[in-house]
Protein backbone atom coordinates (compact mmCIF):
# COMPACT_ATOMS: atom_id res chain seq x y z
CA MET A 1 -136.86 32.75 -44.76
CA LYS A 2 -138.35 31.89 -41.40
CA LYS A 3 -137.32 28.27 -41.90
CA SER A 4 -133.70 29.26 -42.55
CA ILE A 5 -133.61 31.20 -39.27
CA ILE A 6 -135.51 28.64 -37.18
CA VAL A 7 -133.36 25.62 -38.08
CA PRO A 8 -130.02 27.23 -37.06
CA ALA A 9 -131.66 28.69 -33.95
CA VAL A 10 -132.92 25.25 -32.93
CA LEU A 11 -129.49 23.76 -33.54
CA ILE A 12 -127.82 26.47 -31.45
CA VAL A 13 -130.28 25.97 -28.58
CA ALA A 14 -129.79 22.18 -28.78
CA ALA A 15 -126.03 22.63 -28.75
CA MET A 16 -126.30 24.87 -25.67
CA PHE A 17 -128.35 22.25 -23.82
CA THR A 18 -125.89 19.56 -24.83
CA CYS A 19 -122.95 21.65 -23.61
CA ASN A 20 -124.80 22.36 -20.38
CA ALA A 21 -125.44 18.66 -19.92
CA PHE A 22 -121.72 17.94 -20.30
CA ALA A 23 -120.78 20.90 -18.11
CA ALA A 24 -123.14 19.72 -15.38
CA ASP A 25 -121.00 16.60 -15.11
CA ALA A 26 -117.79 18.63 -14.75
CA ALA A 27 -114.62 16.64 -14.89
CA LYS A 28 -113.32 16.44 -11.37
CA ILE A 29 -109.69 15.39 -11.64
CA GLY A 30 -107.17 14.87 -8.87
CA ILE A 31 -103.52 13.92 -8.61
CA ILE A 32 -101.48 12.22 -5.93
CA SER A 33 -97.74 12.15 -5.41
CA PHE A 34 -96.66 8.65 -4.46
CA GLU A 35 -93.14 9.95 -3.88
CA LYS A 36 -94.42 12.40 -1.24
CA ILE A 37 -96.47 9.67 0.41
CA ILE A 38 -93.39 7.44 0.66
CA LYS A 39 -91.36 10.27 2.21
CA GLU A 40 -93.96 11.69 4.59
CA SER A 41 -96.56 9.05 5.49
CA SER A 42 -96.30 6.92 8.62
CA ALA A 43 -95.94 3.71 6.63
CA GLY A 44 -93.36 5.30 4.34
CA LYS A 45 -91.28 6.49 7.28
CA VAL A 46 -91.47 3.06 8.92
CA MET A 47 -90.44 1.44 5.63
CA GLN A 48 -87.48 3.78 5.28
CA LYS A 49 -86.42 3.13 8.87
CA ASP A 50 -86.72 -0.64 8.45
CA LEU A 51 -84.81 -0.60 5.15
CA LYS A 52 -82.07 1.54 6.70
CA ALA A 53 -81.77 -0.86 9.65
CA LYS A 54 -81.58 -3.86 7.31
CA LEU A 55 -79.02 -2.10 5.11
CA ASP A 56 -76.88 -1.25 8.14
CA GLU A 57 -77.05 -4.87 9.29
CA LEU A 58 -76.02 -6.22 5.90
CA GLN A 59 -73.25 -3.64 5.52
CA ALA A 60 -71.87 -4.61 8.93
CA LYS A 61 -71.74 -8.24 7.81
CA LEU A 62 -70.03 -7.24 4.57
CA GLN A 63 -67.49 -5.08 6.39
CA ALA A 64 -66.69 -7.90 8.82
CA GLU A 65 -66.16 -10.32 5.93
CA GLU A 66 -64.07 -7.76 4.04
CA LYS A 67 -61.93 -7.22 7.14
CA ARG A 68 -61.43 -10.98 7.46
CA VAL A 69 -60.35 -11.24 3.80
CA LYS A 70 -57.90 -8.33 4.23
CA GLU A 71 -56.46 -9.98 7.34
CA MET A 72 -56.01 -13.22 5.43
CA SER A 73 -54.24 -11.32 2.66
CA ALA A 74 -51.96 -9.54 5.12
CA ALA A 75 -51.16 -12.82 6.89
CA LEU A 76 -50.32 -14.45 3.57
CA GLU A 77 -47.97 -11.61 2.68
CA ARG A 78 -46.23 -11.83 6.07
CA GLU A 79 -45.84 -15.58 5.93
CA ALA A 80 -45.11 -15.88 2.18
CA LEU A 81 -41.36 -16.26 2.68
CA VAL A 82 -41.62 -19.03 5.26
CA LEU A 83 -44.43 -21.06 3.68
CA SER A 84 -43.76 -23.95 1.39
CA ALA A 85 -44.79 -23.48 -2.23
CA GLU A 86 -47.64 -25.93 -1.75
CA LYS A 87 -48.96 -24.18 1.39
CA LYS A 88 -48.58 -20.79 -0.30
CA LEU A 89 -50.67 -21.92 -3.29
CA GLU A 90 -53.28 -23.38 -0.94
CA ARG A 91 -53.59 -20.10 0.99
CA GLN A 92 -53.73 -18.06 -2.23
CA ARG A 93 -56.55 -20.27 -3.49
CA GLU A 94 -58.33 -19.95 -0.14
CA LEU A 95 -57.91 -16.16 -0.27
CA ARG A 96 -59.25 -16.05 -3.84
CA ASP A 97 -62.25 -18.19 -2.84
CA ASN A 98 -62.99 -15.90 0.10
CA ALA A 99 -62.71 -12.80 -2.11
CA ASP A 100 -65.14 -14.41 -4.58
CA ASP A 101 -67.48 -15.26 -1.70
CA LEU A 102 -67.32 -11.62 -0.59
CA LYS A 103 -68.32 -10.43 -4.07
CA LYS A 104 -71.17 -12.96 -4.18
CA MET A 105 -72.30 -11.92 -0.70
CA ASN A 106 -72.34 -8.27 -1.80
CA ALA A 107 -74.43 -9.12 -4.88
CA ASP A 108 -76.81 -11.27 -2.79
CA TYR A 109 -77.29 -8.52 -0.22
CA THR A 110 -77.94 -5.94 -2.93
CA GLN A 111 -80.54 -8.23 -4.47
CA GLU A 112 -82.09 -8.90 -1.06
CA MET A 113 -82.42 -5.16 -0.41
CA LYS A 114 -84.04 -4.56 -3.80
CA ILE A 115 -86.54 -7.35 -3.22
CA LEU A 116 -87.37 -6.09 0.27
CA GLN A 117 -87.77 -2.51 -0.93
CA ASN A 118 -89.97 -3.54 -3.87
CA LYS A 119 -92.13 -5.71 -1.63
CA ARG A 120 -92.70 -2.88 0.85
CA MET A 121 -93.23 -0.27 -1.89
CA ASN A 122 -95.76 -2.50 -3.65
CA GLN A 123 -97.73 -2.96 -0.42
CA ILE A 124 -97.80 0.79 0.26
CA GLN A 125 -98.73 1.47 -3.37
CA LYS A 126 -101.60 -1.03 -3.19
CA ASP A 127 -102.90 0.55 0.03
CA VAL A 128 -102.60 4.08 -1.37
CA PHE A 129 -104.36 3.15 -4.60
CA ASP A 130 -107.15 1.46 -2.63
CA ASN A 131 -107.55 4.66 -0.59
CA ALA A 132 -107.50 6.77 -3.76
CA ASN A 133 -110.23 4.58 -5.25
CA LYS A 134 -112.40 5.02 -2.14
CA LEU A 135 -111.81 8.78 -2.10
CA GLY A 136 -112.50 9.04 -5.82
CA LYS A 137 -115.80 7.21 -5.54
CA SER A 138 -116.96 8.98 -2.39
CA GLN A 139 -116.07 12.49 -3.61
CA GLY A 140 -117.09 12.03 -7.23
CA TYR A 141 -113.74 12.25 -8.98
CA LEU A 142 -113.72 11.38 -12.64
CA LEU A 143 -110.00 10.71 -12.65
CA ILE A 144 -107.17 10.48 -10.11
CA ILE A 145 -103.69 10.09 -11.49
CA GLU A 146 -100.24 9.63 -10.01
CA LYS A 147 -98.12 12.70 -10.57
CA LYS A 148 -94.87 11.18 -11.87
CA VAL A 149 -96.13 8.09 -13.71
CA ALA A 150 -98.76 10.01 -15.64
CA GLY A 151 -96.21 12.51 -16.85
CA VAL A 152 -97.99 15.48 -15.28
CA ILE A 153 -96.03 18.61 -16.09
CA TYR A 154 -98.31 21.04 -14.28
CA ALA A 155 -101.15 20.60 -11.84
CA ALA A 156 -102.84 23.20 -9.67
CA ASP A 157 -102.52 22.62 -5.96
CA LYS A 158 -106.29 22.32 -5.58
CA VAL A 159 -106.29 19.05 -7.56
CA ASP A 160 -103.47 17.54 -5.48
CA LEU A 161 -105.07 14.95 -3.23
CA THR A 162 -101.81 13.66 -1.76
CA ASP A 163 -102.39 15.11 1.70
CA ALA A 164 -105.96 13.80 1.90
CA ILE A 165 -104.85 10.35 0.76
CA MET A 166 -101.89 10.40 3.15
CA LYS A 167 -104.12 11.43 6.08
CA GLU A 168 -106.51 8.56 5.37
CA TYR A 169 -103.63 6.13 4.83
CA ASN A 170 -101.95 7.16 8.09
CA SER A 171 -105.17 6.52 10.03
CA ILE A 172 -105.63 3.11 8.39
CA TYR A 173 -101.94 2.25 8.94
CA ALA A 174 -102.23 3.24 12.62
CA GLN A 175 -105.21 0.87 13.00
CA LYS A 176 -103.26 -2.01 11.41
CA LYS A 177 -100.50 -1.75 14.03
């Protein structure tokens, strides 16, 4: 009888010590919002400003080219009655070529903007992840995840490390300048 009570009691005590051992190493988990860092950090704001300036520059070039193509079209329409058939075909071909060039220019500029944005985003992401790794190691986090990529549906504000990461990143970014 004593044996049947002692064995379960020992198992229960062992389980309690095991649980305490796991509880002592509590899972410290944090999240960061990369989207918030892009919108609010110094580097993110500079990136957005630079991308906007580049976009405005490229749009101005596109608008100038589009205006030139429209002027060519209007000139062709005005002069259509007085041009010879051969000259008219030549101008129509030239107009078509310029319209095709405009479409290609638009596609090239769109691609250029995507490449530039991805390049800048990747650099910021690398820097932020490096900072998150340092913070995780120094403050004993078991896991730090990105809010959107990880599919986090709910997270308490106390596990959100975005502001701490952004503060560190802003200070490092300021030193790089």
